[in-house]
Protein backbone atom coordinates (compact mmCIF):
# COMPACT_ATOMS: atom_id res chain seq x y z
CA UNK A 1 -33.88 -5.29 -33.55
CA UNK A 2 -32.66 -5.05 -29.97
CA UNK A 3 -31.40 -1.79 -28.53
CA UNK A 4 -28.24 -2.39 -26.47
CA UNK A 5 -27.68 1.24 -25.51
CA UNK A 6 -27.84 2.73 -22.04
CA UNK A 7 -27.67 6.54 -21.94
CA UNK A 8 -26.73 8.34 -18.74
CA UNK A 9 -25.29 11.60 -17.49
CA UNK A 10 -22.84 12.47 -14.69
CA UNK A 11 -22.01 16.06 -13.79
CA UNK A 12 -23.11 17.33 -17.19
CA UNK A 13 -21.17 14.70 -19.15
CA UNK A 14 -23.31 12.45 -21.33
CA UNK A 15 -22.36 8.85 -22.03
CA UNK A 16 -23.57 5.91 -24.08
CA UNK A 17 -22.87 2.31 -23.09
CA UNK A 18 -23.33 -0.74 -25.27
CA UNK A 19 -24.06 -3.01 -22.34
CA UNK A 20 -23.58 -6.27 -24.19
CA UNK A 21 -20.27 -5.50 -25.89
CA UNK A 22 -19.08 -3.33 -22.99
CA UNK A 23 -18.30 -0.48 -25.36
CA UNK A 24 -18.79 3.05 -24.06
CA UNK A 25 -18.15 6.61 -25.19
CA UNK A 26 -18.54 10.24 -24.21
CA UNK A 27 -21.21 12.06 -26.20
CA UNK A 28 -21.32 15.58 -27.49
CA UNK A 29 -24.56 17.02 -28.85
CA UNK A 30 -23.85 15.95 -32.44
CA UNK A 31 -22.84 12.38 -31.54
CA UNK A 32 -25.81 11.95 -29.23
CA UNK A 33 -28.23 13.06 -31.95
CA UNK A 34 -26.61 10.83 -34.57
CA UNK A 35 -26.67 7.80 -32.29
CA UNK A 36 -30.30 8.30 -31.34
CA UNK A 37 -31.17 8.70 -35.02
CA UNK A 38 -29.37 5.44 -35.81
CA UNK A 39 -31.09 3.63 -32.96
CA UNK A 40 -34.49 4.77 -34.22
CA UNK A 41 -33.85 2.98 -37.49
CA UNK A 42 -33.48 6.12 -39.59
CA UNK A 43 -30.79 6.06 -42.25
CA UNK A 44 -27.61 7.92 -41.41
CA UNK A 45 -26.14 8.06 -44.90
CA UNK A 46 -27.80 11.41 -45.64
CA UNK A 47 -27.51 12.74 -42.09
CA UNK A 48 -26.15 16.20 -41.51
CA UNK A 49 -24.43 15.08 -38.29
CA UNK A 50 -20.66 15.15 -38.64
CA UNK A 51 -20.35 11.99 -36.52
CA UNK A 52 -22.92 10.06 -38.61
CA UNK A 53 -20.31 8.01 -40.56
CA UNK A 54 -18.68 6.86 -37.32
CA UNK A 55 -21.99 5.97 -35.71
CA UNK A 56 -23.16 4.18 -38.84
CA UNK A 57 -19.94 2.14 -38.95
CA UNK A 58 -20.31 1.18 -35.29
CA UNK A 59 -23.92 0.07 -35.76
CA UNK A 60 -23.00 -1.95 -38.86
CA UNK A 61 -20.26 -3.61 -36.82
CA UNK A 62 -22.79 -4.80 -34.27
CA UNK A 63 -22.55 -2.09 -31.63
CA UNK A 64 -25.55 -0.47 -29.92
CA UNK A 65 -28.09 -2.58 -31.88
CA UNK A 66 -28.38 -6.35 -32.28
CA UNK A 67 -30.51 -8.73 -34.33
CA UNK A 68 -30.40 -11.22 -31.46
CA UNK A 69 -32.22 -10.96 -28.11
CA UNK A 70 -29.25 -12.01 -25.97
CA UNK A 71 -25.93 -13.79 -25.95
CA UNK A 72 -26.04 -17.48 -25.05
CA UNK A 73 -24.50 -18.38 -21.71
CA UNK A 74 -21.08 -19.93 -22.38
CA UNK A 75 -20.48 -23.53 -21.41
CA UNK A 76 -17.66 -22.90 -18.97
CA UNK A 77 -14.83 -25.35 -18.53
CA UNK A 78 -13.27 -24.80 -15.14
CA UNK A 79 -9.64 -25.70 -14.48
CA UNK A 80 -9.42 -24.40 -10.89
CA UNK A 81 -11.52 -25.52 -7.94
CA UNK A 82 -11.97 -22.93 -5.17
CA UNK A 83 -12.40 -24.43 -1.70
CA UNK A 84 -12.90 -22.66 1.60
CA UNK A 85 -13.03 -24.06 5.09
CA UNK A 86 -12.53 -22.73 8.60
CA UNK A 87 -9.83 -24.68 10.46
CA UNK A 88 -11.34 -23.40 13.69
CA UNK A 89 -14.84 -22.12 14.50
CA UNK A 90 -13.66 -19.62 17.06
CA UNK A 91 -12.36 -16.07 17.10
CA UNK A 92 -10.68 -13.68 19.50
CA UNK A 93 -12.79 -10.87 17.98
CA UNK A 94 -16.51 -10.15 18.17
CA UNK A 95 -16.97 -8.02 15.02
CA UNK A 96 -20.35 -6.35 14.94
CA UNK A 97 -21.18 -7.53 11.41
CA UNK A 98 -19.79 -11.09 11.64
CA UNK A 99 -22.31 -13.52 10.16
CA UNK A 100 -20.53 -16.35 11.98
CA UNK A 101 -21.00 -14.54 15.32
CA UNK A 102 -17.35 -15.05 16.29
CA UNK A 103 -17.74 -18.81 15.81
CA UNK A 104 -20.91 -19.01 17.89
CA UNK A 105 -23.56 -18.43 15.22
CA UNK A 106 -26.59 -20.65 14.90
CA UNK A 107 -25.46 -22.03 11.56
CA UNK A 108 -21.80 -22.62 12.38
CA UNK A 109 -20.26 -25.55 14.14
CA UNK A 110 -18.23 -25.86 17.30
CA UNK A 111 -16.26 -28.74 15.82
CA UNK A 112 -12.85 -27.90 14.45
CA UNK A 113 -10.76 -29.55 11.78
CA UNK A 114 -8.19 -32.06 12.96
CA UNK A 115 -5.54 -33.98 11.01
CA UNK A 116 -7.88 -36.81 10.03
CA UNK A 117 -10.45 -34.36 8.66
CA UNK A 118 -7.76 -32.54 6.70
CA UNK A 119 -6.63 -35.87 5.25
CA UNK A 120 -10.18 -36.78 4.24
CA UNK A 121 -10.80 -33.38 2.65
CA UNK A 122 -7.64 -33.60 0.53
CA UNK A 123 -8.41 -37.20 -0.45
CA UNK A 124 -11.91 -36.18 -1.48
CA UNK A 125 -10.60 -33.27 -3.55
CA UNK A 126 -7.74 -35.12 -5.22
CA UNK A 127 -9.13 -38.65 -5.53
CA UNK A 128 -12.92 -38.50 -5.53
CA UNK A 129 -15.35 -35.83 -6.67
CA UNK A 130 -12.97 -33.13 -7.93
CA UNK A 131 -9.97 -35.07 -9.18
CA UNK A 132 -10.46 -33.72 -12.72
CA UNK A 133 -9.37 -30.22 -11.69
CA UNK A 134 -5.75 -29.36 -12.35
CA UNK A 135 -5.51 -26.48 -9.88
CA UNK A 136 -6.92 -25.85 -6.41
CA UNK A 137 -7.27 -22.63 -4.49
CA UNK A 138 -7.98 -22.81 -0.77
CA UNK A 139 -9.38 -19.74 0.95
CA UNK A 140 -9.37 -19.36 4.72
CA UNK A 141 -11.69 -16.39 4.91
CA UNK A 142 -14.54 -17.01 7.32
CA UNK A 143 -15.99 -18.93 10.25
CA UNK A 144 -13.23 -18.04 12.68
CA UNK A 145 -9.71 -16.67 13.04
CA UNK A 146 -7.52 -19.26 11.27
CA UNK A 147 -4.35 -18.42 13.21
CA UNK A 148 -6.05 -19.57 16.44
CA UNK A 149 -5.48 -23.12 15.22
CA UNK A 150 -2.18 -22.61 13.45
CA UNK A 151 -0.85 -26.15 14.07
CA UNK A 152 -3.70 -27.62 12.02
CA UNK A 153 -3.23 -24.89 9.41
CA UNK A 154 0.44 -25.78 9.18
CA UNK A 155 -0.50 -29.46 8.89
CA UNK A 156 -2.82 -28.59 6.00
CA UNK A 157 -0.09 -26.64 4.19
CA UNK A 158 2.32 -29.57 4.46
CA UNK A 159 -0.25 -32.15 3.43
CA UNK A 160 -1.55 -30.03 0.51
CA UNK A 161 1.97 -29.77 -0.86
CA UNK A 162 2.39 -33.53 -0.45
CA UNK A 163 -0.82 -34.20 -2.43
CA UNK A 164 0.26 -31.73 -5.13
CA UNK A 165 3.58 -33.55 -5.58
CA UNK A 166 1.93 -36.97 -5.68
CA UNK A 167 -0.84 -36.03 -8.11
CA UNK A 168 0.98 -33.37 -10.16
CA UNK A 169 -1.46 -30.61 -9.16
CA UNK A 170 -0.97 -27.02 -8.06
CA UNK A 171 -2.52 -25.50 -4.93
CA UNK A 172 -2.72 -21.80 -4.02
CA UNK A 173 -3.66 -20.70 -0.51
CA UNK A 174 -5.17 -17.43 0.74
CA UNK A 175 -5.31 -16.85 4.48
CA UNK A 176 -7.31 -13.90 5.78
CA UNK A 177 -6.49 -13.00 9.37
CA UNK A 178 -7.47 -10.25 11.75
CA UNK A 179 -3.77 -9.54 12.14
CA UNK A 180 -3.44 -9.74 15.92
CA UNK A 181 -1.91 -13.22 16.04
CA UNK A 182 0.90 -12.76 13.52
CA UNK A 183 4.23 -13.95 14.93
CA UNK A 184 7.74 -14.43 13.61
CA UNK A 185 7.12 -18.18 13.53
CA UNK A 186 3.80 -18.28 11.68
CA UNK A 187 4.94 -15.56 9.26
CA UNK A 188 7.97 -17.72 8.41
CA UNK A 189 5.80 -20.81 7.91
CA UNK A 190 3.26 -19.06 5.69
CA UNK A 191 6.09 -17.63 3.62
CA UNK A 192 7.66 -21.08 3.27
CA UNK A 193 4.42 -22.42 1.80
CA UNK A 194 3.93 -19.50 -0.59
CA UNK A 195 0.72 -18.23 1.02
CA UNK A 196 -1.25 -15.19 -0.10
CA UNK A 197 -2.25 -13.11 2.90
CA UNK A 198 -5.16 -10.79 3.62
CA UNK A 199 -5.58 -8.69 6.77
CA UNK A 200 -8.92 -7.30 7.87
CA UNK A 201 -8.79 -3.57 8.49
CA UNK A 202 -11.81 -1.26 8.37
CA UNK A 203 -10.13 2.13 8.19
CA UNK A 204 -9.07 4.67 10.77
CA UNK A 205 -8.63 3.71 14.41
CA UNK A 206 -12.01 5.21 15.28
CA UNK A 207 -14.06 3.38 12.65
CA UNK A 208 -12.07 0.13 12.91
CA UNK A 209 -12.63 0.04 16.67
CA UNK A 210 -16.30 0.76 16.10
CA UNK A 211 -16.65 -2.37 13.93
CA UNK A 212 -13.93 -4.77 15.04
CA UNK A 213 -13.62 -5.35 18.79
CA UNK A 214 -12.44 -8.04 21.14
CA UNK A 215 -15.03 -10.11 22.96
CA UNK A 216 -14.65 -7.80 25.97
CA UNK A 217 -15.62 -4.85 23.78
CA UNK A 218 -12.16 -3.27 23.58
CA UNK A 219 -10.88 -1.90 20.27
CA UNK A 220 -8.37 -3.87 18.22
CA UNK A 221 -6.79 -1.26 15.91
CA UNK A 222 -3.45 -0.91 17.70
CA UNK A 223 -2.95 -4.66 17.94
CA UNK A 224 -3.82 -5.08 14.25
CA UNK A 225 -1.45 -2.24 13.37
CA UNK A 226 1.32 -3.91 15.37
CA UNK A 227 0.66 -7.20 13.59
CA UNK A 228 0.93 -5.48 10.20
CA UNK A 229 4.18 -3.86 11.30
CA UNK A 230 5.55 -7.26 12.33
CA UNK A 231 4.78 -8.57 8.86
CA UNK A 232 6.23 -5.57 7.02
CA UNK A 233 9.48 -5.62 9.03
CA UNK A 234 9.92 -9.40 8.85
CA UNK A 235 12.27 -11.31 6.58
CA UNK A 236 9.33 -12.66 4.59
CA UNK A 237 9.18 -12.51 0.80
CA UNK A 238 7.61 -9.55 -0.96
CA UNK A 239 4.70 -11.79 -1.96
CA UNK A 240 3.66 -12.38 1.65
CA UNK A 241 4.40 -8.81 2.69
CA UNK A 242 2.21 -7.54 -0.16
CA UNK A 243 -0.87 -8.53 1.82
CA UNK A 244 -4.35 -7.33 0.90
CA UNK A 245 -6.31 -4.96 3.10
CA UNK A 246 -9.76 -6.53 3.50
CA UNK A 247 -12.34 -3.89 4.39
CA UNK A 248 -16.04 -4.12 5.12
CA UNK A 249 -18.10 -0.98 4.44
CA UNK A 250 -21.13 -0.38 6.64
CA UNK A 251 -23.56 2.49 7.11
CA UNK A 252 -21.28 3.79 9.89
CA UNK A 253 -18.02 3.71 7.92
CA UNK A 254 -18.01 7.35 6.85
CA UNK A 255 -15.24 8.69 4.60
CA UNK A 256 -13.91 6.12 2.15
CA UNK A 257 -10.99 8.42 1.41
CA UNK A 258 -9.98 8.07 5.06
CA UNK A 259 -10.35 4.29 4.79
CA UNK A 260 -8.08 4.12 1.74
CA UNK A 261 -5.48 6.52 3.12
CA UNK A 262 -5.35 4.64 6.42
CA UNK A 263 -4.62 1.42 4.53
CA UNK A 264 -1.90 3.17 2.54
CA UNK A 265 -0.36 4.56 5.73
CA UNK A 266 -0.20 1.00 7.08
CA UNK A 267 1.76 -0.11 4.01
CA UNK A 268 -0.96 -1.75 1.88
CA UNK A 269 -0.81 -1.51 -1.89
CA UNK A 270 -3.86 -3.68 -2.60
CA UNK A 271 -7.25 -3.71 -0.98
CA UNK A 272 -10.84 -4.73 -1.41
CA UNK A 273 -13.77 -2.80 -0.01
CA UNK A 274 -16.94 -4.84 0.23
CA UNK A 275 -20.37 -3.60 1.21
CA UNK A 276 -21.58 -5.39 4.32
CA UNK A 277 -23.88 -8.38 3.81
CA UNK A 278 -26.47 -8.45 6.54
CA UNK A 279 -30.25 -8.64 6.76
CA UNK A 280 -32.02 -5.29 6.42
CA UNK A 281 -32.84 -5.09 10.14
CA UNK A 282 -29.17 -5.24 11.17
CA UNK A 283 -27.99 -1.90 12.62
CA UNK A 284 -24.99 -1.74 10.24
CA UNK A 285 -26.85 -2.80 7.08
CA UNK A 286 -27.70 -0.34 4.32
CA UNK A 287 -31.29 0.67 3.79
CA UNK A 288 -32.75 2.78 1.00
CA UNK A 289 -32.42 5.96 3.04
CA UNK A 290 -28.68 5.35 3.52
CA UNK A 291 -27.83 5.24 -0.18
CA UNK A 292 -27.50 8.99 -0.89
CA UNK A 293 -24.86 9.26 1.85
CA UNK A 294 -23.07 6.11 0.68
CA UNK A 295 -23.00 7.40 -2.91
CA UNK A 296 -21.61 10.73 -1.75
CA UNK A 297 -18.80 8.94 0.10
CA UNK A 298 -17.97 7.03 -3.07
CA UNK A 299 -18.07 10.18 -5.21
CA UNK A 300 -15.54 11.75 -2.85
CA UNK A 301 -13.36 8.66 -3.24
CA UNK A 302 -13.58 8.86 -7.05
CA UNK A 303 -12.60 12.54 -6.96
CA UNK A 304 -9.69 11.73 -4.68
CA UNK A 305 -8.40 9.00 -7.00
CA UNK A 306 -8.69 11.31 -10.01
CA UNK A 307 -6.88 14.12 -8.21
CA UNK A 308 -4.03 11.71 -7.52
CA UNK A 309 -4.08 10.58 -11.16
CA UNK A 310 -3.71 14.21 -12.29
CA UNK A 311 -0.40 14.18 -10.43
CA UNK A 312 0.60 11.01 -12.29
CA UNK A 313 -0.20 8.73 -9.33
CA UNK A 314 -2.40 5.79 -10.36
CA UNK A 315 -1.64 3.76 -7.25
CA UNK A 316 -4.99 4.36 -5.60
CA UNK A 317 -6.94 3.23 -8.64
CA UNK A 318 -4.68 0.20 -9.01
CA UNK A 319 -5.20 -0.53 -5.33
CA UNK A 320 -8.88 -1.39 -5.78
CA UNK A 321 -8.92 -2.56 -9.40
CA UNK A 322 -9.60 -6.21 -8.74
CA UNK A 323 -12.51 -8.62 -9.01
CA UNK A 324 -13.18 -8.59 -5.26
CA UNK A 325 -13.71 -4.87 -4.68
CA UNK A 326 -17.34 -3.74 -4.87
CA UNK A 327 -16.41 -0.89 -7.25
CA UNK A 328 -13.02 -1.87 -8.62
CA UNK A 329 -14.26 -5.01 -10.37
CA UNK A 330 -16.27 -2.85 -12.76
CA UNK A 331 -13.21 -0.82 -13.73
CA UNK A 332 -11.49 -4.04 -14.75
CA UNK A 333 -14.44 -5.58 -16.58
CA UNK A 334 -15.18 -2.42 -18.55
CA UNK A 335 -11.61 -1.63 -19.49
CA UNK A 336 -10.83 -5.22 -20.54
CA UNK A 337 -14.36 -5.74 -21.93
CA UNK A 338 -14.95 -8.93 -19.98
CA UNK A 339 -18.69 -9.73 -19.76
CA UNK A 340 -19.93 -11.92 -16.91
CA UNK A 341 -22.88 -14.30 -16.70
CA UNK A 342 -22.83 -15.23 -13.01
CA UNK A 343 -22.25 -13.24 -9.84
CA UNK A 344 -19.64 -15.84 -8.87
CA UNK A 345 -18.96 -19.54 -9.29
CA UNK A 346 -20.53 -20.75 -6.07
CA UNK A 347 -21.60 -24.37 -6.33
CA UNK A 348 -19.90 -24.85 -9.69
CA UNK A 349 -16.16 -24.58 -9.20
CA UNK A 350 -16.45 -23.12 -5.72
CA UNK A 351 -17.35 -25.03 -2.55
CA UNK A 352 -17.05 -24.68 1.20
CA UNK A 353 -16.62 -27.51 3.70
CA UNK A 354 -17.30 -27.43 7.41
CA UNK A 355 -15.72 -29.56 10.13
CA UNK A 356 -18.71 -31.94 10.03
CA UNK A 357 -17.69 -32.80 6.48
CA UNK A 358 -20.74 -31.09 4.95
CA UNK A 359 -20.24 -29.37 1.59
CA UNK A 360 -21.90 -26.07 0.61
CA UNK A 361 -21.79 -23.76 -2.43
CA UNK A 362 -19.72 -21.14 -0.58
CA UNK A 363 -18.66 -20.18 2.94
CA UNK A 364 -21.65 -17.84 3.41
CA UNK A 365 -24.11 -20.72 2.98
CA UNK A 366 -22.25 -23.03 5.38
CA UNK A 367 -24.72 -24.52 7.84
CA UNK A 368 -27.83 -23.53 5.85
CA UNK A 369 -29.15 -27.07 5.44
CA UNK A 370 -31.26 -26.36 2.36
CA UNK A 371 -28.02 -25.72 0.46
CA UNK A 372 -26.02 -28.71 1.65
CA UNK A 373 -24.49 -30.41 -1.41
CA UNK A 374 -23.48 -33.60 0.39
CA UNK A 375 -20.66 -34.77 2.61
CA UNK A 376 -17.04 -35.86 2.37
CA UNK A 377 -18.17 -39.38 3.27
CA UNK A 378 -20.07 -39.73 0.02
CA UNK A 379 -18.09 -39.38 -3.22
CA UNK A 380 -21.33 -39.66 -5.23
CA UNK A 381 -23.04 -36.55 -3.90
CA UNK A 382 -26.33 -35.35 -5.33
CA UNK A 383 -25.81 -32.56 -7.87
CA UNK A 384 -29.21 -30.93 -7.29
CA UNK A 385 -27.73 -27.86 -5.61
CA UNK A 386 -25.00 -27.64 -8.24
CA UNK A 387 -27.66 -27.60 -10.95
CA UNK A 388 -29.62 -24.88 -9.13
CA UNK A 389 -26.56 -22.63 -9.07
CA UNK A 390 -25.61 -23.59 -12.62
CA UNK A 391 -29.00 -22.31 -13.77
CA UNK A 392 -28.76 -19.10 -11.72
CA UNK A 393 -27.14 -17.06 -14.47
CA UNK A 394 -28.22 -13.54 -15.39
CA UNK A 395 -30.67 -14.65 -18.06
CA UNK A 396 -32.53 -16.93 -15.65
CA UNK A 397 -32.69 -14.37 -12.85
CA UNK A 398 -35.83 -12.56 -13.94
CA UNK A 399 -34.98 -9.07 -12.69
CA UNK A 400 -31.39 -9.36 -13.90
CA UNK A 401 -32.43 -10.47 -17.39
CA UNK A 402 -34.19 -7.13 -17.95
CA UNK A 403 -31.38 -4.96 -16.56
CA UNK A 404 -28.91 -3.06 -18.73
CA UNK A 405 -26.15 -3.74 -16.17
CA UNK A 406 -26.37 -7.53 -16.20
CA UNK A 407 -23.32 -8.35 -18.35
CA UNK A 408 -21.12 -6.10 -16.20
CA UNK A 409 -22.67 -6.88 -12.84
CA UNK A 410 -23.43 -10.61 -13.06
CA UNK A 411 -26.25 -10.26 -10.52
CA UNK A 412 -26.42 -9.88 -6.77
CA UNK A 413 -24.44 -12.16 -4.44
CA UNK A 414 -26.50 -15.35 -4.11
CA UNK A 415 -26.28 -15.29 -0.34
CA UNK A 416 -27.20 -11.63 -0.17
CA UNK A 417 -30.24 -12.33 -2.34
CA UNK A 418 -31.14 -15.18 0.00
CA UNK A 419 -30.88 -12.86 3.01
CA UNK A 420 -32.99 -10.18 1.33
CA UNK A 421 -35.66 -12.29 -0.36
CA UNK A 422 -35.38 -15.90 0.81
CA UNK A 423 -34.08 -17.20 -2.54
CA UNK A 424 -30.92 -16.89 -4.65
CA UNK A 425 -32.65 -15.60 -7.78
CA UNK A 426 -34.22 -12.30 -6.69
CA UNK A 427 -31.57 -9.63 -6.08
CA UNK A 428 -31.48 -7.15 -3.24
CA UNK A 429 -32.74 -3.85 -4.78
CA UNK A 430 -30.30 -1.85 -2.66
CA UNK A 431 -27.34 -3.75 -4.09
CA UNK A 432 -28.79 -3.42 -7.60
CA UNK A 433 -28.98 0.36 -7.23
CA UNK A 434 -25.40 0.53 -5.96
CA UNK A 435 -24.09 -1.73 -8.73
CA UNK A 436 -25.65 0.46 -11.42
CA UNK A 437 -24.18 3.50 -9.68
CA UNK A 438 -20.73 1.83 -9.61
CA UNK A 439 -20.84 0.92 -13.30
CA UNK A 440 -21.80 4.39 -14.47
CA UNK A 441 -19.13 6.02 -12.33
CA UNK A 442 -16.52 3.48 -13.44
CA UNK A 443 -17.18 4.61 -17.03
CA UNK A 444 -16.98 8.25 -15.97
CA UNK A 445 -13.66 7.63 -14.21
CA UNK A 446 -12.15 5.73 -17.16
CA UNK A 447 -13.18 8.44 -19.65
CA UNK A 448 -11.68 11.14 -17.42
CA UNK A 449 -8.46 9.14 -17.11
CA UNK A 450 -8.29 8.90 -20.88
CA UNK A 451 -8.88 12.63 -21.25
CA UNK A 452 -6.00 13.31 -18.86
CA UNK A 453 -3.58 11.07 -20.73
CA UNK A 454 -4.21 8.14 -23.07
CA UNK A 455 -1.10 6.55 -21.59
CA UNK A 456 -2.96 6.22 -18.29
CA UNK A 457 -5.48 3.91 -19.92
CA UNK A 458 -2.85 1.88 -21.76
CA UNK A 459 -0.80 1.48 -18.59
CA UNK A 460 -3.89 0.59 -16.58
CA UNK A 461 -5.06 -2.02 -19.12
CA UNK A 462 -1.62 -3.65 -19.19
CA UNK A 463 -1.55 -3.73 -15.39
CA UNK A 464 -4.97 -5.43 -15.25
CA UNK A 465 -4.02 -8.03 -17.83
CA UNK A 466 -0.91 -8.92 -15.86
CA UNK A 467 -2.90 -9.11 -12.62
């Protein structure tokens, strides 16, 4: 028999999590005793615990205990290919945590995409290696500021629509910008081509200007704020105006409540907060000694969101409940009971292409030659790297396979593991600790929401399914 139960306690409340079935509950003394008795193999039929019949029924239904060591990894069939590329390897910012070093990093390229390279990329996607996909999603998220080369971006949007019409496919586009180059003209064009938009903002003026500066060292907050205002007051559709706030959390960020409230004050309704990915010797990276402070900042954020929920306002929880937020993704997975087997789909149905035509598992690996999957010039690329990532599921990542959080976490970011340990299989222990912290507090938050009003949970679940 295999015990699937993780017990934990937060602020005096005791919880049990079935970490394979993603079932969780609040425990009182009687329920805790009955569950532990059932897990020990003792019969519950003659138990004096009032909750024994419920616990016995759950165990018989396959919760908390299993006859099988682990679930098999599903054989995924992907219908959408995710592609990222930087139309320009340049930026008007010099953000202090930018892995691409404002387009001047050692593993980025000074070449930029031109029309012929766009044509070849779309031909490769639609006609060669990935023609079997029905849907494509292009992300412009890294390597440079995409609006610096807006003519080539506009050319891509036109040509992608042309290829969709010819081949009966559907393409979605996400453009993440620093917000300073938004104009009436490019807003109108992005709206015309049904773009999703993200704008990088790291919180209050003080902390944003600490992280995100121009190359001359001057702060960028006011210019970003003006760009956001231009978008919000434009004639664009609600889809484009409903841009995401894209926030990077570092050891210097401070109050996450302030970060969230700043984004709300700027008009954002959706956001993702991601912990910075940098090597441990970077001045903004998190080390073991930083985690108590980081956890305290998150606890304050959780309390803030719950206080708002007590007033009937779920907007702040909805704001981060998505699969890109470092904490919010666990709210969604637990509430909808969606187990995961990979951290992401890098190298499988996710690729990144640089202006040299080289193909990588994701934008973070771009330029790291050991992870080059081939080139656009060769439609018969070697699948060695694809197979490596295909095998990098939670049951083949040794430390992950032993962890109670694996089916909710999916493992550390492959690139972050590579930065921390030189390979994609061994996770960064700092991220592991934070992910376990996030999962336990996501359960605590969901239980408290349910205790406030069961309608909160029903509303929240419906919202997540629609999203």
